[in-house]
Structures are given as C-alpha cells and as structure tokens.
Amino acid sequence: MKNSAPTPAFATGQAQAGAPVAQRRRARIEFARLRDLALLPAIALLLVIGAFVSPSFLTKANLISVLGASAALALVVLAESLIVLTGKFDLSLESTVGIAPAIGAMLVMPAASAGFGLQWPTAMGLLAIVLVGAVIGFINGFLVVRLRLNAFIVTLAMLIVLRGMLVGATKGGTLFDMPSSFFTLATTIVLGLPVSVWLAAAAFAIAAFMLRYHRVGRALYAIGGNPEAARAAGIRVERITWGVFVLGSMLASIGGLIVTGYVGAINANQGNGMIFTVFAAAVIGGISLDGGKGTMLGALSGVLLLGVVQNLLTLAQVPSFWIQAIYGAIILGSLMVARLAGGEGQN
C-alpha cells in the first residue's frame, strides 16, 4: 500500500516555502504594533513644548482638564472607528451628540424651561438619551445595510436632518434647567479623574479586547477587508454591520451627555463640526478609511494627540479658527504618511 504521507524532502520544501510567508506576516504584525506606538513620541514632544509655552501646561489641573475635555471625543472616535473598520462611514454622529441629550433633557424639563412638559423621571430621561442614539443608528443601518444606500450620503443627510431637528426643538436657544444627574459624568471625580475619563478608558479597553480576542471583533476586520469573503466564511455581514451602526450612535449619545456635563448646558450647535476632529483622530491613529485596518490603541493615541494639540494652541492663544486648519493639515499629513508606509489611506 502506497504511503500518502509527505516525504521528508517534500515536507522540508513546504516548510521552506512557507517560511517567507510567515516572516512577512510577522513583519506586518510588528509594523502594526510600531505604528500603534508611533504617536507616543509625538505626544511626549508636545508635552515638552507645552512646558516651554506655558508654565501651567504640565500642572495636574491642566492635564486632568485635557483628559476630561477629550473624553467625549474619545467615545465618538471609538464609535466612528468601529464603523470605519467595516468599510462604512457615519457622519451623523456629530448631530447625535447634540440631539440625543437634548431630547433626553427636554423629556425631563418642565415646559416653562423649554422642555416638552412631560417631566419624566431623571433616570428615564438618561435612558432616553441612549435609546435615541440606538434609534438613529438603527435607521442608518437600515438605509445602508437593508436598502444598500451609500453610507456617506445617507449619514450626511441624517446629519442635516438631526441638526435641523435640534435647532427646531430648542428654537435655536440653549437648555439650562437640567437635573444635576445630567452633569454627573463630567463633574464627578473618582480617584482624581472625572468619571467620563474612566468610562472612555473602559470603553476602549473593552473594544480592544473584543477586536483582538472575540469572533465578532475579528469579524469586523474581515468585513472591512473583504465583505464577500467574510460572507462566504459564514460571517453575518449585514447583521454585524447594522449592529455596529447602532452601537456607534449609542456611544455618540453618551459622548453628547459628557459634552453636556462639561459645558453645563445644551445649545443648538452642540457637536457641530465635531466629525472633522473625529476623523482627524481616527486617521492619525492609523484607522484606515478603506476599512479592515487599525487598532483601538492607535485611535486612542490620536484622541490624546489632538487633545494635547488643542490645549497647547489654546494656552498659546492661537485663534480657534486656526485650530481647524491645523486639524485639516494633520489629516492630510497622516494620509500621506500612511500611503508611504504601506499604501493605506488610498482608495
């Protein structure tokens, strides 16, 4: 009877042929890890520069302020990063940051304070904020996944619709008379840091763990890399993509609640223009706009970098409109670096 097992010479040839592939795979993994840590030296350099720009920059109070101000952005960047990993976009997240807490607050506030007059219990109003986000994400997912409409156009339209609804509901004004619970995430200090900072850190840690070790997290990368191959492998592409839209909008609504607590009010422009900063943080953190590439550590590093940059420019008394120009330059620079490093960031 003929032995079907490979001969030693054949097995050796297989091992030699597979060795370069394994080496290239290890090299890609090492490069990805280095890319995730690439922003840390830049952040350290900015901290040194900040010490020379302003004596108050490296004070404990200022650094805590940077982290607190970045917490809401971090949650929205996390939301956008998860969606972008699947190869989609959600531009409406910035409007969700405004409309979700506004509806929750108006359900609680009396009519005399520009509320709906329903005067729901505070807990119900807080829950409504998250539910509003879930509904927005569900609608976006339905239009993009079920009806197969272009995600960019759909969420751009949703951004405009929600912004108009916020302005109409608030009559272009500002909501002030809210229960103190609406400010808890931003104002309550635990172990020296606001609760919002711990919440953002926990959200990123859970997301990083899921992406690395859970099948759903790995499915996000597979869907963003090649949805047809993912579908052939048995991954429920539509269901997972739809779910990510819902999760992303829920995270954005919580981010909006943090903004509300940090500002102490809700105005008709809350979240306006935030999406540009969100994409800036995600892109410089290594999240590929083509989908399927990027890590939560990189995205978090992007948030911290922009938080430090904004604080540094503010202390240096740079006009706010220049900050947006600098963010745009950062995005362009990051895309060029990604292109030179490995062809990412190009369609």
Protein backbone atom coordinates (compact mmCIF):
# COMPACT_ATOMS: atom_id res chain seq x y z
CA MET A 1 0.00 0.00 0.00
CA LYS A 2 1.43 3.36 -1.04
CA ASN A 3 2.25 5.72 1.77
CA SER A 4 0.47 9.04 1.21
CA ALA A 5 2.44 10.91 3.88
CA PRO A 6 4.83 13.56 2.51
CA THR A 7 8.44 12.57 2.24
CA PRO A 8 10.95 14.40 4.42
CA ALA A 9 12.30 16.24 1.37
CA PHE A 10 8.81 17.35 0.35
CA ALA A 11 7.97 18.41 3.88
CA THR A 12 11.21 20.37 4.04
CA GLY A 13 10.32 22.10 0.79
CA GLN A 14 6.91 23.02 2.17
CA ALA A 15 8.49 24.45 5.30
CA GLN A 16 10.99 26.44 3.28
CA ALA A 17 8.25 27.78 1.01
CA GLY A 18 6.10 28.73 3.96
CA ALA A 19 8.91 30.41 5.87
CA PRO A 20 8.91 33.66 3.82
CA VAL A 21 5.14 33.90 4.20
CA ALA A 22 5.38 33.52 7.97
CA GLN A 23 8.21 36.04 8.10
CA ARG A 24 6.20 38.57 6.11
CA ARG A 25 3.20 38.01 8.38
CA ARG A 26 5.33 38.55 11.49
CA ALA A 27 6.82 41.67 9.90
CA ARG A 28 3.34 43.07 9.24
CA ILE A 29 2.33 42.38 12.85
CA GLU A 30 5.46 44.07 14.18
CA PHE A 31 4.90 47.06 11.87
CA ALA A 32 1.31 47.39 13.07
CA ARG A 33 2.47 47.39 16.68
CA LEU A 34 5.09 50.03 15.96
CA ARG A 35 2.52 52.13 14.11
CA ASP A 36 0.22 51.98 17.15
CA LEU A 37 3.03 53.37 19.31
CA ALA A 38 4.24 55.91 16.73
CA LEU A 39 2.19 58.75 18.21
CA LEU A 40 3.57 58.35 21.72
CA PRO A 41 6.89 60.11 20.92
CA ALA A 42 4.90 62.91 19.25
CA ILE A 43 2.73 63.29 22.35
CA ALA A 44 5.83 63.34 24.55
CA LEU A 45 7.40 66.01 22.33
CA LEU A 46 4.25 68.14 22.56
CA LEU A 47 4.34 67.85 26.36
CA VAL A 48 7.90 69.15 26.36
CA ILE A 49 6.99 72.00 24.01
CA GLY A 50 3.96 72.81 26.16
CA ALA A 51 6.17 73.17 29.22
CA PHE A 52 8.04 75.97 27.46
CA VAL A 53 4.91 77.60 26.01
CA SER A 54 3.06 77.91 29.31
CA PRO A 55 4.10 77.17 32.90
CA SER A 56 0.59 75.92 33.62
CA PHE A 57 0.62 73.32 30.85
CA LEU A 58 2.13 70.45 32.85
CA THR A 59 0.18 71.17 36.01
CA LYS A 60 -2.05 68.41 37.36
CA ALA A 61 -5.18 70.53 36.93
CA ASN A 62 -4.46 71.26 33.27
CA LEU A 63 -3.62 67.66 32.38
CA ILE A 64 -6.82 66.46 34.05
CA SER A 65 -8.66 69.14 32.09
CA VAL A 66 -7.17 67.80 28.84
CA LEU A 67 -8.32 64.27 29.68
CA GLY A 68 -11.78 65.47 30.71
CA ALA A 69 -12.20 67.55 27.56
CA SER A 70 -11.09 64.59 25.43
CA ALA A 71 -13.43 62.01 26.97
CA ALA A 72 -16.45 62.85 24.80
CA LEU A 73 -14.30 62.99 21.69
CA ALA A 74 -12.82 59.62 22.62
CA LEU A 75 -16.22 57.91 22.70
CA VAL A 76 -17.23 59.37 19.34
CA VAL A 77 -13.86 58.41 17.82
CA LEU A 78 -14.37 54.90 19.17
CA ALA A 79 -17.80 54.81 17.55
CA GLU A 80 -16.52 56.06 14.19
CA SER A 81 -13.51 53.75 14.28
CA LEU A 82 -15.67 50.65 14.74
CA ILE A 83 -17.89 51.71 11.85
CA VAL A 84 -14.94 52.55 9.60
CA LEU A 85 -13.39 49.14 10.33
CA THR A 86 -16.37 47.62 8.49
CA GLY A 87 -15.68 49.85 5.49
CA LYS A 88 -18.58 52.26 6.19
CA PHE A 89 -18.92 55.85 7.45
CA ASP A 90 -21.26 57.65 9.80
CA LEU A 91 -21.13 61.42 9.51
CA SER A 92 -24.29 61.85 11.58
CA LEU A 93 -22.51 61.04 14.85
CA GLU A 94 -21.82 64.73 15.46
CA SER A 95 -25.54 65.51 15.27
CA THR A 96 -26.33 62.58 17.56
CA VAL A 97 -24.02 64.21 20.11
CA GLY A 98 -26.42 67.15 20.14
CA ILE A 99 -29.90 65.75 19.53
CA ALA A 100 -29.79 62.73 21.88
CA PRO A 101 -29.03 64.60 25.14
CA ALA A 102 -31.34 67.43 24.07
CA ILE A 103 -34.33 65.09 23.72
CA GLY A 104 -33.48 63.36 26.99
CA ALA A 105 -33.28 66.71 28.77
CA MET A 106 -36.49 68.07 27.26
CA LEU A 107 -38.39 64.97 28.35
CA VAL A 108 -37.37 65.74 31.92
CA MET A 109 -37.60 69.54 31.93
CA PRO A 110 -40.86 71.44 32.52
CA ALA A 111 -42.46 73.41 29.70
CA ALA A 112 -41.51 76.67 31.42
CA SER A 113 -37.84 75.75 30.92
CA ALA A 114 -38.24 74.95 27.19
CA GLY A 115 -38.92 71.28 27.86
CA PHE A 116 -41.72 69.13 26.44
CA GLY A 117 -43.60 69.47 29.70
CA LEU A 118 -43.74 65.70 30.30
CA GLN A 119 -41.36 65.92 33.28
CA TRP A 120 -40.23 62.31 33.14
CA PRO A 121 -38.11 60.95 36.00
CA THR A 122 -34.44 61.76 35.56
CA ALA A 123 -33.48 58.11 35.14
CA MET A 124 -35.96 57.77 32.28
CA GLY A 125 -34.54 60.87 30.62
CA LEU A 126 -31.00 59.49 30.83
CA LEU A 127 -32.15 56.16 29.40
CA ALA A 128 -33.94 58.02 26.61
CA ILE A 129 -30.63 59.58 25.56
CA VAL A 130 -29.15 56.16 24.85
CA LEU A 131 -32.36 54.94 23.21
CA VAL A 132 -32.43 57.95 20.88
CA GLY A 133 -28.90 57.08 19.81
CA ALA A 134 -29.92 53.47 19.23
CA VAL A 135 -32.88 54.53 17.07
CA ILE A 136 -30.68 56.83 14.96
CA GLY A 137 -28.16 54.04 14.46
CA PHE A 138 -30.93 51.59 13.61
CA ILE A 139 -32.31 53.90 10.91
CA ASN A 140 -28.83 54.49 9.48
CA GLY A 141 -28.17 50.75 9.47
CA PHE A 142 -31.49 50.04 7.77
CA LEU A 143 -30.82 52.54 4.99
CA VAL A 144 -27.22 51.44 4.46
CA VAL A 145 -27.46 47.69 5.03
CA ARG A 146 -31.01 46.76 4.06
CA LEU A 147 -31.64 49.30 1.31
CA ARG A 148 -27.96 49.31 0.25
CA LEU A 149 -27.73 53.09 0.01
CA ASN A 150 -24.38 54.86 0.08
CA ALA A 151 -23.30 55.26 3.71
CA PHE A 152 -21.61 58.60 3.11
CA ILE A 153 -24.69 60.19 1.52
CA VAL A 154 -27.16 58.60 3.95
CA THR A 155 -25.33 59.73 7.07
CA LEU A 156 -24.65 63.17 5.61
CA ALA A 157 -28.38 63.57 5.05
CA MET A 158 -29.06 62.27 8.56
CA LEU A 159 -26.55 64.78 9.94
CA ILE A 160 -28.52 67.62 8.31
CA VAL A 161 -31.90 66.24 9.40
CA LEU A 162 -30.84 65.81 13.02
CA ARG A 163 -29.18 69.21 13.12
CA GLY A 164 -32.39 70.80 11.86
CA MET A 165 -34.42 68.87 14.43
CA LEU A 166 -32.13 70.06 17.23
CA VAL A 167 -32.40 73.68 16.16
CA GLY A 168 -36.18 73.35 15.82
CA ALA A 169 -36.66 71.60 19.16
CA THR A 170 -34.55 74.13 21.05
CA LYS A 171 -35.80 77.04 18.91
CA GLY A 172 -32.16 77.92 18.36
CA GLY A 173 -31.67 78.53 22.07
CA THR A 174 -29.84 76.87 24.94
CA LEU A 175 -31.16 74.42 27.52
CA PHE A 176 -30.01 75.18 31.06
CA ASP A 177 -32.53 73.92 33.62
CA MET A 178 -31.49 70.27 33.77
CA PRO A 179 -31.16 67.89 36.73
CA SER A 180 -27.67 67.58 38.19
CA SER A 181 -27.58 63.92 37.07
CA PHE A 182 -27.08 65.12 33.51
CA PHE A 183 -23.72 66.57 34.59
CA THR A 184 -22.52 63.62 36.68
CA LEU A 185 -20.23 62.01 34.11
CA ALA A 186 -18.24 65.19 33.64
CA THR A 187 -18.29 66.60 37.16
CA THR A 188 -17.95 63.57 39.47
CA ILE A 189 -14.32 62.81 40.37
CA VAL A 190 -13.16 59.26 41.10
CA LEU A 191 -9.52 58.60 42.02
CA GLY A 192 -8.57 62.07 40.83
CA LEU A 193 -10.20 61.84 37.39
CA PRO A 194 -13.71 62.57 36.09
CA VAL A 195 -16.00 59.57 35.66
CA SER A 196 -16.12 60.38 31.93
CA VAL A 197 -12.39 59.64 31.61
CA TRP A 198 -12.75 56.25 33.31
CA LEU A 199 -15.77 55.48 31.14
CA ALA A 200 -13.90 56.30 27.92
CA ALA A 201 -10.89 54.26 29.05
CA ALA A 202 -13.09 51.27 29.88
CA ALA A 203 -14.90 51.53 26.54
CA PHE A 204 -11.62 51.50 24.62
CA ALA A 205 -10.28 48.61 26.70
CA ILE A 206 -13.39 46.51 26.07
CA ALA A 207 -13.33 47.34 22.35
CA ALA A 208 -9.63 46.47 22.09
CA PHE A 209 -10.22 43.14 23.85
CA MET A 210 -13.18 42.30 21.62
CA LEU A 211 -11.34 43.17 18.42
CA ARG A 212 -8.37 41.04 19.38
CA TYR A 213 -9.93 38.00 21.03
CA HIS A 214 -13.65 37.80 20.22
CA ARG A 215 -15.08 36.41 17.00
CA VAL A 216 -17.30 39.46 16.48
CA GLY A 217 -14.28 41.75 16.72
CA ARG A 218 -12.35 39.66 14.24
CA ALA A 219 -15.42 39.68 12.01
CA LEU A 220 -15.27 43.49 11.81
CA TYR A 221 -11.79 43.28 10.31
CA ALA A 222 -12.91 40.55 7.91
CA ILE A 223 -15.93 42.56 6.76
CA GLY A 224 -13.86 45.69 6.20
CA GLY A 225 -11.15 43.77 4.38
CA ASN A 226 -13.38 41.77 2.04
CA PRO A 227 -17.12 41.55 2.76
CA GLU A 228 -17.74 38.90 0.12
CA ALA A 229 -15.03 36.63 1.52
CA ALA A 230 -16.38 37.27 5.03
CA ARG A 231 -19.87 36.31 3.88
CA ALA A 232 -18.52 33.16 2.26
CA ALA A 233 -16.80 32.29 5.54
CA GLY A 234 -20.16 32.31 7.30
CA ILE A 235 -19.94 35.76 8.89
CA ARG A 236 -23.27 37.55 9.12
CA VAL A 237 -22.03 40.68 7.40
CA GLU A 238 -25.32 42.57 7.28
CA ARG A 239 -26.30 41.86 10.88
CA ILE A 240 -22.90 42.81 12.30
CA THR A 241 -22.63 45.97 10.18
CA TRP A 242 -26.12 47.03 11.22
CA GLY A 243 -25.27 46.36 14.85
CA VAL A 244 -22.13 48.48 14.64
CA PHE A 245 -24.18 51.44 13.38
CA VAL A 246 -26.48 51.08 16.40
CA LEU A 247 -23.58 50.74 18.83
CA GLY A 248 -21.78 53.71 17.28
CA SER A 249 -24.77 56.01 17.68
CA MET A 250 -25.27 54.86 21.27
CA LEU A 251 -21.66 55.71 22.07
CA ALA A 252 -22.10 59.10 20.40
CA SER A 253 -25.20 59.80 22.52
CA ILE A 254 -23.22 59.07 25.69
CA GLY A 255 -20.48 61.32 24.35
CA GLY A 256 -23.12 64.01 23.96
CA LEU A 257 -24.13 63.58 27.59
CA ILE A 258 -20.49 64.08 28.59
CA VAL A 259 -20.33 67.26 26.49
CA THR A 260 -23.49 68.45 28.23
CA GLY A 261 -21.94 67.93 31.65
CA TYR A 262 -18.67 69.54 30.62
CA VAL A 263 -20.38 72.65 29.20
CA GLY A 264 -23.23 72.74 31.71
CA ALA A 265 -25.87 73.27 29.04
CA ILE A 266 -27.12 72.11 25.64
CA ASN A 267 -27.17 74.56 22.76
CA ALA A 268 -28.41 74.21 19.21
CA ASN A 269 -24.84 73.88 17.92
CA GLN A 270 -23.70 71.09 20.23
CA GLY A 271 -21.47 68.72 18.29
CA ASN A 272 -21.39 70.98 15.23
CA GLY A 273 -18.16 70.36 13.27
CA MET A 274 -17.06 67.61 15.64
CA ILE A 275 -16.93 64.99 12.90
CA PHE A 276 -13.84 66.63 11.37
CA THR A 277 -11.94 66.24 14.62
CA VAL A 278 -13.24 62.68 14.95
CA PHE A 279 -11.89 61.70 11.54
CA ALA A 280 -8.63 63.50 12.26
CA ALA A 281 -8.11 61.48 15.45
CA ALA A 282 -9.06 58.20 13.77
CA VAL A 283 -6.88 58.75 10.71
CA ILE A 284 -3.75 59.85 12.54
CA GLY A 285 -4.33 56.92 14.89
CA GLY A 286 -3.97 54.50 12.00
CA ILE A 287 -7.62 53.65 11.26
CA SER A 288 -7.73 53.01 7.51
CA LEU A 289 -10.58 54.72 5.68
CA ASP A 290 -10.63 51.71 3.36
CA GLY A 291 -11.78 49.55 6.28
CA GLY A 292 -10.34 46.44 7.89
CA LYS A 293 -7.22 48.05 9.37
CA GLY A 294 -6.47 49.86 12.60
CA THR A 295 -6.47 49.34 16.35
CA MET A 296 -8.10 50.96 19.35
CA LEU A 297 -4.70 51.83 20.83
CA GLY A 298 -3.91 53.85 17.71
CA ALA A 299 -7.30 55.58 17.76
CA LEU A 300 -6.91 56.46 21.45
CA SER A 301 -3.44 57.83 20.75
CA GLY A 302 -4.96 60.04 18.06
CA VAL A 303 -7.50 61.40 20.55
CA LEU A 304 -4.80 62.19 23.10
CA LEU A 305 -2.61 63.84 20.47
CA LEU A 306 -5.39 66.16 19.30
CA GLY A 307 -6.38 66.89 22.90
CA VAL A 308 -2.84 67.97 23.71
CA VAL A 309 -2.57 69.97 20.48
CA GLN A 310 -5.82 71.84 21.15
CA ASN A 311 -4.86 72.61 24.74
CA LEU A 312 -1.41 73.74 23.69
CA LEU A 313 -2.78 76.04 20.99
CA THR A 314 -5.32 77.46 23.42
CA LEU A 315 -2.66 78.24 26.01
CA ALA A 316 -0.55 79.78 23.25
CA GLN A 317 -3.58 81.99 22.46
CA VAL A 318 -3.83 80.78 18.88
CA PRO A 319 -7.22 81.83 17.37
CA SER A 320 -9.73 78.98 17.31
CA PHE A 321 -10.25 79.11 13.55
CA TRP A 322 -6.59 78.23 13.03
CA ILE A 323 -7.08 75.10 15.12
CA GLN A 324 -9.44 73.67 12.49
CA ALA A 325 -6.91 74.47 9.76
CA ILE A 326 -4.24 72.63 11.74
CA TYR A 327 -6.54 69.62 12.13
CA GLY A 328 -7.03 69.52 8.37
CA ALA A 329 -3.28 69.65 7.82
CA ILE A 330 -2.85 66.81 10.31
CA ILE A 331 -5.31 64.65 8.36
CA LEU A 332 -3.54 65.29 5.06
CA GLY A 333 -0.16 64.62 6.61
CA SER A 334 -1.38 61.39 8.17
CA LEU A 335 -2.81 60.16 4.88
CA MET A 336 0.49 60.81 3.12
CA VAL A 337 2.45 59.04 5.86
CA ALA A 338 0.07 56.07 5.67
CA ARG A 339 0.45 55.97 1.88
CA LEU A 340 4.24 55.99 2.09
CA ALA A 341 4.23 53.40 4.86
CA GLY A 342 2.11 50.82 3.15
CA GLY A 343 -0.33 52.08 0.61
CA GLU A 344 -3.11 52.67 3.12
CA GLY A 345 -5.39 55.61 3.07
CA GLN A 346 -5.88 55.47 -0.70
CA ASN A 347 -8.98 54.32 -2.47
